[in-house]
PDB file of N, CA and C in Angstrom:
ATOM      1  N   UNK A   1     177.396  77.548-100.293  1.00  0.00           N
ATOM      2  CA  UNK A   1     176.442  78.273 -99.411  1.00  0.00           C
ATOM      3  C   UNK A   1     176.198  79.596 -99.923  1.00  0.00           C
ATOM      4  N   UNK A   2     174.881  80.030-100.157  1.00  0.00           N
ATOM      5  CA  UNK A   2     174.513  81.398-100.530  1.00  0.00           C
ATOM      6  C   UNK A   2     174.106  82.201 -99.331  1.00  0.00           C
ATOM      7  N   UNK A   3     174.819  83.380 -99.240  1.00  0.00           N
ATOM      8  CA  UNK A   3     174.429  84.308 -98.276  1.00  0.00           C
ATOM      9  C   UNK A   3     173.484  85.261 -98.651  1.00  0.00           C
ATOM     10  N   UNK A   4     172.577  85.461 -97.955  1.00  0.00           N
ATOM     11  CA  UNK A   4     171.501  86.458 -98.190  1.00  0.00           C
ATOM     12  C   UNK A   4     171.822  87.780 -97.621  1.00  0.00           C
ATOM     13  N   UNK A   5     171.784  88.831 -98.236  1.00  0.00           N
ATOM     14  CA  UNK A   5     172.198  90.032 -97.642  1.00  0.00           C
ATOM     15  C   UNK A   5     170.868  90.796 -97.555  1.00  0.00           C
ATOM     16  N   UNK A   6     170.352  90.816 -96.330  1.00  0.00           N
ATOM     17  CA  UNK A   6     169.036  91.509 -95.951  1.00  0.00           C
ATOM     18  C   UNK A   6     169.399  92.974 -95.708  1.00  0.00           C
ATOM     19  N   UNK A   7     168.651  93.846 -96.312  1.00  0.00           N
ATOM     20  CA  UNK A   7     168.778  95.312 -95.953  1.00  0.00           C
ATOM     21  C   UNK A   7     168.122  95.431 -94.573  1.00  0.00           C
ATOM     22  N   UNK A   8     168.985  96.267 -93.711  1.00  0.00           N
ATOM     23  CA  UNK A   8     168.351  96.589 -92.436  1.00  0.00           C
ATOM     24  C   UNK A   8     167.317  97.751 -92.436  1.00  0.00           C
ATOM     25  N   UNK A   9     166.342  97.324 -91.719  1.00  0.00           N
ATOM     26  CA  UNK A   9     165.166  98.538 -91.691  1.00  0.00           C
ATOM     27  C   UNK A   9     165.676  99.652 -90.955  1.00  0.00           C
ATOM     28  N   UNK A  10     165.147 100.835 -91.409  1.00  0.00           N
ATOM     29  CA  UNK A  10     165.436 102.084 -90.568  1.00  0.00           C
ATOM     30  C   UNK A  10     164.434 102.036 -89.405  1.00  0.00           C
ATOM     31  N   UNK A  11     164.806 102.118 -88.330  1.00  0.00           N
ATOM     32  CA  UNK A  11     164.175 102.254 -86.936  1.00  0.00           C
ATOM     33  C   UNK A  11     164.364 103.486 -86.253  1.00  0.00           C
ATOM     34  N   UNK A  12     165.121 104.458 -86.790  1.00  0.00           N
ATOM     35  CA  UNK A  12     165.540 105.571 -86.002  1.00  0.00           C
ATOM     36  C   UNK A  12     164.357 106.331 -85.281  1.00  0.00           C
ATOM     37  N   UNK A  13     163.267 106.687 -86.100  1.00  0.00           N
ATOM     38  CA  UNK A  13     162.398 107.515 -85.474  1.00  0.00           C
ATOM     39  C   UNK A  13     161.587 106.718 -84.459  1.00  0.00           C
ATOM     40  N   UNK A  14     161.304 105.397 -84.507  1.00  0.00           N
ATOM     41  CA  UNK A  14     160.628 104.517 -83.531  1.00  0.00           C
ATOM     42  C   UNK A  14     161.545 104.394 -82.273  1.00  0.00           C
ATOM     43  N   UNK A  15     162.803 104.227 -82.483  1.00  0.00           N
ATOM     44  CA  UNK A  15     163.592 104.094 -81.214  1.00  0.00           C
ATOM     45  C   UNK A  15     163.687 105.330 -80.452  1.00  0.00           C
ATOM     46  N   UNK A  16     163.955 106.618 -80.944  1.00  0.00           N
ATOM     47  CA  UNK A  16     164.129 107.917 -80.523  1.00  0.00           C
ATOM     48  C   UNK A  16     162.937 108.252 -79.970  1.00  0.00           C
ATOM     49  N   UNK A  17     161.482 107.984 -80.405  1.00  0.00           N
ATOM     50  CA  UNK A  17     160.392 108.321 -79.739  1.00  0.00           C
ATOM     51  C   UNK A  17     160.188 107.393 -78.574  1.00  0.00           C
ATOM     52  N   UNK A  18     160.588 106.237 -78.504  1.00  0.00           N
ATOM     53  CA  UNK A  18     160.655 105.291 -77.346  1.00  0.00           C
ATOM     54  C   UNK A  18     161.554 105.950 -76.149  1.00  0.00           C
ATOM     55  N   UNK A  19     162.761 106.301 -76.548  1.00  0.00           N
ATOM     56  CA  UNK A  19     163.504 106.896 -75.774  1.00  0.00           C
ATOM     57  C   UNK A  19     163.102 108.090 -75.058  1.00  0.00           C
ATOM     58  N   UNK A  20     162.431 109.036 -75.860  1.00  0.00           N
ATOM     59  CA  UNK A  20     161.917 110.159 -75.271  1.00  0.00           C
ATOM     60  C   UNK A  20     160.652 109.948 -74.390  1.00  0.00           C
ATOM     61  N   UNK A  21     159.786 108.828 -74.787  1.00  0.00           N
ATOM     62  CA  UNK A  21     158.896 108.422 -73.930  1.00  0.00           C
ATOM     63  C   UNK A  21     159.121 107.950 -72.521  1.00  0.00           C
ATOM     64  N   UNK A  22     160.304 107.667 -72.328  1.00  0.00           N
ATOM     65  CA  UNK A  22     160.871 107.427 -71.172  1.00  0.00           C
ATOM     66  C   UNK A  22     161.230 108.545 -70.110  1.00  0.00           C
ATOM     67  N   UNK A  23     161.032 109.647 -70.623  1.00  0.00           N
ATOM     68  CA  UNK A  23     161.285 110.773 -69.978  1.00  0.00           C
ATOM     69  C   UNK A  23     160.231 111.335 -69.102  1.00  0.00           C
ATOM     70  N   UNK A  24     159.232 110.364 -68.844  1.00  0.00           N
ATOM     71  CA  UNK A  24     158.035 110.668 -67.988  1.00  0.00           C
ATOM     72  C   UNK A  24     158.621 110.652 -66.475  1.00  0.00           C
ATOM     73  N   UNK A  25     159.791 110.079 -66.350  1.00  0.00           N
ATOM     74  CA  UNK A  25     160.345 110.215 -64.943  1.00  0.00           C
ATOM     75  C   UNK A  25     160.857 111.526 -64.543  1.00  0.00           C
ATOM     76  N   UNK A  26     161.098 112.342 -65.379  1.00  0.00           N
ATOM     77  CA  UNK A  26     161.668 113.760 -65.082  1.00  0.00           C
ATOM     78  C   UNK A  26     160.572 114.716 -64.791  1.00  0.00           C
ATOM     79  N   UNK A  27     160.422 115.094 -63.683  1.00  0.00           N
ATOM     80  CA  UNK A  27     159.330 116.069 -63.399  1.00  0.00           C
ATOM     81  C   UNK A  27     159.540 117.370 -64.063  1.00  0.00           C
ATOM     82  N   UNK A  28     158.375 118.009 -64.357  1.00  0.00           N
ATOM     83  CA  UNK A  28     158.209 119.219 -65.017  1.00  0.00           C
ATOM     84  C   UNK A  28     158.791 119.381 -66.504  1.00  0.00           C
ATOM     85  N   UNK A  29     159.539 118.239 -67.042  1.00  0.00           N
ATOM     86  CA  UNK A  29     159.767 117.980 -68.303  1.00  0.00           C
ATOM     87  C   UNK A  29     159.058 116.991 -69.042  1.00  0.00           C
ATOM     88  N   UNK A  30     158.302 116.065 -68.172  1.00  0.00           N
ATOM     89  CA  UNK A  30     157.645 115.089 -68.817  1.00  0.00           C
ATOM     90  C   UNK A  30     156.641 115.430 -69.835  1.00  0.00           C
ATOM     91  N   UNK A  31     156.046 116.655 -69.737  1.00  0.00           N
ATOM     92  CA  UNK A  31     155.044 117.040 -70.778  1.00  0.00           C
ATOM     93  C   UNK A  31     155.684 117.234 -72.015  1.00  0.00           C
ATOM     94  N   UNK A  32     156.837 118.012 -71.963  1.00  0.00           N
ATOM     95  CA  UNK A  32     157.667 118.242 -73.228  1.00  0.00           C
ATOM     96  C   UNK A  32     158.216 116.987 -73.845  1.00  0.00           C
ATOM     97  N   UNK A  33     158.679 116.088 -73.030  1.00  0.00           N
ATOM     98  CA  UNK A  33     159.208 114.853 -73.569  1.00  0.00           C
ATOM     99  C   UNK A  33     158.105 114.042 -74.147  1.00  0.00           C
ATOM    100  N   UNK A  34     156.940 114.124 -73.667  1.00  0.00           N
ATOM    101  CA  UNK A  34     155.820 113.284 -74.167  1.00  0.00           C
ATOM    102  C   UNK A  34     155.423 113.814 -75.503  1.00  0.00           C
ATOM    103  N   UNK A  35     155.303 115.100 -75.550  1.00  0.00           N
ATOM    104  CA  UNK A  35     154.805 115.762 -76.979  1.00  0.00           C
ATOM    105  C   UNK A  35     155.869 115.404 -77.857  1.00  0.00           C
ATOM    106  N   UNK A  36     157.229 115.444 -77.673  1.00  0.00           N
ATOM    107  CA  UNK A  36     158.147 115.242 -78.735  1.00  0.00           C
ATOM    108  C   UNK A  36     157.976 113.716 -79.135  1.00  0.00           C
ATOM    109  N   UNK A  37     157.733 112.920 -77.948  1.00  0.00           N
ATOM    110  CA  UNK A  37     157.667 111.407 -78.175  1.00  0.00           C
ATOM    111  C   UNK A  37     156.413 111.135 -79.180  1.00  0.00           C
ATOM    112  N   UNK A  38     155.296 111.774 -78.855  1.00  0.00           N
ATOM    113  CA  UNK A  38     154.054 111.648 -79.581  1.00  0.00           C
ATOM    114  C   UNK A  38     154.394 111.944 -81.158  1.00  0.00           C
ATOM    115  N   UNK A  39     155.005 113.078 -81.472  1.00  0.00           N
ATOM    116  CA  UNK A  39     155.147 113.604 -82.591  1.00  0.00           C
ATOM    117  C   UNK A  39     156.187 112.530 -83.406  1.00  0.00           C
ATOM    118  N   UNK A  40     157.119 111.988 -82.860  1.00  0.00           N
ATOM    119  CA  UNK A  40     158.149 111.001 -83.499  1.00  0.00           C
ATOM    120  C   UNK A  40     157.405 109.720 -83.542  1.00  0.00           C
ATOM    121  N   UNK A  41     156.531 109.193 -82.608  1.00  0.00           N
ATOM    122  CA  UNK A  41     155.893 107.988 -82.881  1.00  0.00           C
ATOM    123  C   UNK A  41     154.944 108.049 -83.888  1.00  0.00           C
ATOM    124  N   UNK A  42     154.129 109.190 -83.960  1.00  0.00           N
ATOM    125  CA  UNK A  42     153.284 109.184 -85.226  1.00  0.00           C
ATOM    126  C   UNK A  42     153.934 109.190 -86.507  1.00  0.00           C
ATOM    127  N   UNK A  43     155.026 109.899 -86.487  1.00  0.00           N
ATOM    128  CA  UNK A  43     155.899 110.003 -87.675  1.00  0.00           C
ATOM    129  C   UNK A  43     156.257 108.600 -88.005  1.00  0.00           C
ATOM    130  N   UNK A  44     156.840 107.840 -87.034  1.00  0.00           N
ATOM    131  CA  UNK A  44     157.232 106.589 -87.240  1.00  0.00           C
ATOM    132  C   UNK A  44     156.202 105.681 -87.809  1.00  0.00           C
ATOM    133  N   UNK A  45     155.166 105.867 -87.221  1.00  0.00           N
ATOM    134  CA  UNK A  45     153.902 104.865 -87.745  1.00  0.00           C
ATOM    135  C   UNK A  45     153.446 105.198 -88.992  1.00  0.00           C
ATOM    136  N   UNK A  46     153.597 106.427 -89.508  1.00  0.00           N
ATOM    137  CA  UNK A  46     153.197 106.869 -90.823  1.00  0.00           C
ATOM    138  C   UNK A  46     154.263 106.323 -91.794  1.00  0.00           C
ATOM    139  N   UNK A  47     155.516 106.534 -91.444  1.00  0.00           N
ATOM    140  CA  UNK A  47     156.544 105.814 -92.345  1.00  0.00           C
ATOM    141  C   UNK A  47     156.488 104.400 -92.405  1.00  0.00           C
ATOM    142  N   UNK A  48     156.123 103.669 -91.440  1.00  0.00           N
ATOM    143  CA  UNK A  48     156.090 102.381 -91.502  1.00  0.00           C
ATOM    144  C   UNK A  48     154.905 101.845 -92.354  1.00  0.00           C
ATOM    145  N   UNK A  49     153.778 102.550 -92.212  1.00  0.00           N
ATOM    146  CA  UNK A  49     152.700 102.299 -92.944  1.00  0.00           C
ATOM    147  C   UNK A  49     152.900 102.543 -94.409  1.00  0.00           C
ATOM    148  N   UNK A  50     153.486 103.563 -94.789  1.00  0.00           N
ATOM    149  CA  UNK A  50     153.763 103.892 -96.114  1.00  0.00           C
ATOM    150  C   UNK A  50     154.668 102.968 -96.872  1.00  0.00           C
ATOM    151  N   UNK A  51     155.818 102.606 -96.190  1.00  0.00           N
ATOM    152  CA  UNK A  51     156.830 101.698 -96.726  1.00  0.00           C
ATOM    153  C   UNK A  51     157.438 100.770 -95.670  1.00  0.00           C
ATOM    154  N   UNK A  52     156.675  99.581 -95.484  1.00  0.00           N
ATOM    155  CA  UNK A  52     157.066  98.633 -94.475  1.00  0.00           C
ATOM    156  C   UNK A  52     158.415  97.890 -94.845  1.00  0.00           C
ATOM    157  N   UNK A  53     158.764  97.933 -96.098  1.00  0.00           N
ATOM    158  CA  UNK A  53     160.008  97.243 -96.376  1.00  0.00           C
ATOM    159  C   UNK A  53     161.204  98.009 -95.976  1.00  0.00           C
ATOM    160  N   UNK A  54     161.184  99.226 -96.011  1.00  0.00           N
ATOM    161  CA  UNK A  54     162.146 100.347 -95.609  1.00  0.00           C
ATOM    162  C   UNK A  54     162.326 100.513 -94.328  1.00  0.00           C
ATOM    163  N   UNK A  55     161.203 100.792 -93.611  1.00  0.00           N
ATOM    164  CA  UNK A  55     161.107 101.286 -92.095  1.00  0.00           C
ATOM    165  C   UNK A  55     160.522 100.259 -91.218  1.00  0.00           C
ATOM    166  N   UNK A  56     161.099 100.036 -89.930  1.00  0.00           N
ATOM    167  CA  UNK A  56     160.726  99.114 -89.016  1.00  0.00           C
ATOM    168  C   UNK A  56     160.628  99.715 -87.666  1.00  0.00           C
ATOM    169  N   UNK A  57     160.442  98.883 -86.693  1.00  0.00           N
ATOM    170  CA  UNK A  57     160.178  99.359 -85.353  1.00  0.00           C
ATOM    171  C   UNK A  57     158.766  99.781 -84.840  1.00  0.00           C
ATOM    172  N   UNK A  58     157.957  98.846 -85.411  1.00  0.00           N
ATOM    173  CA  UNK A  58     156.436  98.953 -85.006  1.00  0.00           C
ATOM    174  C   UNK A  58     156.241  98.963 -83.601  1.00  0.00           C
ATOM    175  N   UNK A  59     156.714  97.938 -82.865  1.00  0.00           N
ATOM    176  CA  UNK A  59     156.652  97.671 -81.569  1.00  0.00           C
ATOM    177  C   UNK A  59     157.103  98.873 -80.679  1.00  0.00           C
ATOM    178  N   UNK A  60     158.380  99.385 -81.063  1.00  0.00           N
ATOM    179  CA  UNK A  60     158.884 100.655 -80.305  1.00  0.00           C
ATOM    180  C   UNK A  60     157.838 101.880 -80.546  1.00  0.00           C
ATOM    181  N   UNK A  61     157.474 101.922 -81.617  1.00  0.00           N
ATOM    182  CA  UNK A  61     156.576 103.295 -82.037  1.00  0.00           C
ATOM    183  C   UNK A  61     155.224 103.131 -81.290  1.00  0.00           C
ATOM    184  N   UNK A  62     154.656 101.940 -81.212  1.00  0.00           N
ATOM    185  CA  UNK A  62     153.402 101.531 -80.564  1.00  0.00           C
ATOM    186  C   UNK A  62     153.570 101.856 -78.946  1.00  0.00           C
ATOM    187  N   UNK A  63     154.605 101.291 -78.498  1.00  0.00           N
ATOM    188  CA  UNK A  63     154.947 101.389 -76.929  1.00  0.00           C
ATOM    189  C   UNK A  63     155.278 102.882 -76.698  1.00  0.00           C
ATOM    190  N   UNK A  64     155.927 103.594 -77.555  1.00  0.00           N
ATOM    191  CA  UNK A  64     156.218 105.114 -77.302  1.00  0.00           C
ATOM    192  C   UNK A  64     154.744 105.797 -77.268  1.00  0.00           C
ATOM    193  N   UNK A  65     154.086 105.592 -78.306  1.00  0.00           N
ATOM    194  CA  UNK A  65     152.679 106.279 -78.273  1.00  0.00           C
ATOM    195  C   UNK A  65     151.847 106.035 -77.162  1.00  0.00           C
ATOM    196  N   UNK A  66     151.857 104.795 -76.700  1.00  0.00           N
ATOM    197  CA  UNK A  66     150.964 104.445 -75.459  1.00  0.00           C
ATOM    198  C   UNK A  66     151.614 105.151 -74.299  1.00  0.00           C
ATOM    199  N   UNK A  67     152.879 104.929 -73.958  1.00  0.00           N
ATOM    200  CA  UNK A  67     153.452 105.730 -72.835  1.00  0.00           C
ATOM    201  C   UNK A  67     153.163 107.237 -72.914  1.00  0.00           C
ATOM    202  N   UNK A  68     153.567 107.754 -74.035  1.00  0.00           N
ATOM    203  CA  UNK A  68     153.411 109.187 -74.182  1.00  0.00           C
ATOM    204  C   UNK A  68     152.037 109.779 -73.978  1.00  0.00           C
ATOM    205  N   UNK A  69     150.963 108.980 -74.419  1.00  0.00           N
ATOM    206  CA  UNK A  69     149.765 109.554 -74.372  1.00  0.00           C
ATOM    207  C   UNK A  69     149.232 109.352 -72.976  1.00  0.00           C
ATOM    208  N   UNK A  70     149.601 108.196 -72.279  1.00  0.00           N
ATOM    209  CA  UNK A  70     149.511 108.125 -70.845  1.00  0.00           C
ATOM    210  C   UNK A  70     150.130 109.204 -70.006  1.00  0.00           C
ATOM    211  N   UNK A  71     151.346 109.596 -70.256  1.00  0.00           N
ATOM    212  CA  UNK A  71     152.065 110.520 -69.628  1.00  0.00           C
ATOM    213  C   UNK A  71     151.401 111.777 -69.780  1.00  0.00           C
ATOM    214  N   UNK A  72     151.136 112.283 -70.900  1.00  0.00           N
ATOM    215  CA  UNK A  72     150.568 113.515 -71.288  1.00  0.00           C
ATOM    216  C   UNK A  72     149.211 113.728 -70.656  1.00  0.00           C
ATOM    217  N   UNK A  73     148.274 112.869 -70.808  1.00  0.00           N
ATOM    218  CA  UNK A  73     147.057 112.924 -70.164  1.00  0.00           C
ATOM    219  C   UNK A  73     147.048 112.997 -68.600  1.00  0.00           C
ATOM    220  N   UNK A  74     147.855 111.982 -68.174  1.00  0.00           N
ATOM    221  CA  UNK A  74     147.976 112.025 -66.682  1.00  0.00           C
ATOM    222  C   UNK A  74     148.624 113.317 -65.891  1.00  0.00           C
ATOM    223  N   UNK A  75     149.561 113.918 -66.826  1.00  0.00           N
ATOM    224  CA  UNK A  75     150.174 115.168 -66.360  1.00  0.00           C
ATOM    225  C   UNK A  75     149.095 116.257 -66.392  1.00  0.00           C
ATOM    226  N   UNK A  76     148.304 116.377 -67.362  1.00  0.00           N
ATOM    227  CA  UNK A  76     147.330 117.378 -67.530  1.00  0.00           C
ATOM    228  C   UNK A  76     146.226 117.193 -66.540  1.00  0.00           C
ATOM    229  N   UNK A  77     145.835 116.104 -66.048  1.00  0.00           N
ATOM    230  CA  UNK A  77     144.824 115.801 -65.177  1.00  0.00           C
ATOM    231  C   UNK A  77     145.307 116.174 -63.752  1.00  0.00           C
ATOM    232  N   UNK A  78     146.553 115.526 -63.413  1.00  0.00           N
ATOM    233  CA  UNK A  78     147.050 115.863 -62.149  1.00  0.00           C
ATOM    234  C   UNK A  78     147.428 117.199 -61.820  1.00  0.00           C
ATOM    235  N   UNK A  79     147.984 117.874 -62.914  1.00  0.00           N
ATOM    236  CA  UNK A  79     148.426 119.292 -62.783  1.00  0.00           C
ATOM    237  C   UNK A  79     147.187 120.198 -62.574  1.00  0.00           C
ATOM    238  N   UNK A  80     145.996 119.871 -63.343  1.00  0.00           N
ATOM    239  CA  UNK A  80     144.768 120.571 -63.020  1.00  0.00           C
ATOM    240  C   UNK A  80     144.221 120.403 -61.733  1.00  0.00           C
ATOM    241  N   UNK A  81     144.329 119.128 -61.116  1.00  0.00           N
ATOM    242  CA  UNK A  81     143.859 119.090 -59.781  1.00  0.00           C
ATOM    243  C   UNK A  81     144.678 119.767 -58.948  1.00  0.00           C
ATOM    244  N   UNK A  82     146.021 119.738 -59.058  1.00  0.00           N
ATOM    245  CA  UNK A  82     147.018 120.356 -58.201  1.00  0.00           C
ATOM    246  C   UNK A  82     146.640 121.948 -58.139  1.00  0.00           C
ATOM    247  N   UNK A  83     146.526 122.502 -59.359  1.00  0.00           N
ATOM    248  CA  UNK A  83     146.253 123.997 -59.376  1.00  0.00           C
ATOM    249  C   UNK A  83     144.977 124.321 -58.795  1.00  0.00           C
ATOM    250  N   UNK A  84     143.872 123.512 -58.972  1.00  0.00           N
ATOM    251  CA  UNK A  84     142.522 123.750 -58.430  1.00  0.00           C
ATOM    252  C   UNK A  84     142.683 123.727 -56.903  1.00  0.00           C
ATOM    253  N   UNK A  85     143.344 122.801 -56.236  1.00  0.00           N
ATOM    254  CA  UNK A  85     143.427 122.722 -54.890  1.00  0.00           C
ATOM    255  C   UNK A  85     144.334 123.879 -54.375  1.00  0.00           C
ATOM    256  N   UNK A  86     145.350 124.357 -54.989  1.00  0.00           N
ATOM    257  CA  UNK A  86     146.050 125.532 -54.516  1.00  0.00           C
ATOM    258  C   UNK A  86     145.267 126.739 -54.653  1.00  0.00           C
ATOM    259  N   UNK A  87     144.527 126.851 -55.695  1.00  0.00           N
ATOM    260  CA  UNK A  87     143.581 128.157 -55.976  1.00  0.00           C
ATOM    261  C   UNK A  87     142.517 128.221 -54.809  1.00  0.00           C
ATOM    262  N   UNK A  88     141.895 127.064 -54.420  1.00  0.00           N
ATOM    263  CA  UNK A  88     140.847 126.898 -53.537  1.00  0.00           C
ATOM    264  C   UNK A  88     141.306 126.777 -52.110  1.00  0.00           C
ATOM    265  N   UNK A  89     142.575 126.800 -52.023  1.00  0.00           N
ATOM    266  CA  UNK A  89     143.251 126.783 -50.600  1.00  0.00           C
ATOM    267  C   UNK A  89     142.945 125.401 -49.842  1.00  0.00           C
ATOM    268  N   UNK A  90     142.766 124.438 -50.458  1.00  0.00           N
ATOM    269  CA  UNK A  90     142.603 123.148 -49.892  1.00  0.00           C
ATOM    270  C   UNK A  90     144.104 122.524 -49.496  1.00  0.00           C
ATOM    271  N   UNK A  91     144.178 121.742 -48.523  1.00  0.00           N
ATOM    272  CA  UNK A  91     145.447 121.360 -48.047  1.00  0.00           C
ATOM    273  C   UNK A  91     145.874 120.347 -49.072  1.00  0.00           C
ATOM    274  N   UNK A  92     147.048 120.375 -49.580  1.00  0.00           N
ATOM    275  CA  UNK A  92     147.645 119.412 -50.672  1.00  0.00           C
ATOM    276  C   UNK A  92     148.658 118.651 -49.763  1.00  0.00           C
ATOM    277  N   UNK A  93     148.517 117.379 -49.687  1.00  0.00           N
ATOM    278  CA  UNK A  93     149.332 116.476 -48.832  1.00  0.00           C
ATOM    279  C   UNK A  93     150.539 116.230 -49.725  1.00  0.00           C
TER     280      UNK A  93
END
């Protein structure tokens, strides 16, 4: 029986970006976590596209990219609405 030794792909950046993308649960820190996650997800996707035999984790990187973009854009939109309502003295429920 011949055993194949397959080299394990490096998925560090992809998994780390996914972990940071889950930081959207933490109020006031979610924008920072989403920016770090965006940076790492883009870096992971670039590494995977450059050398797919060495790097892996495409699913983690794509999931992190989607979650981070959604978190960042949502935080900016809702933060802007909140500040606008506070400045114009509207009642914020």
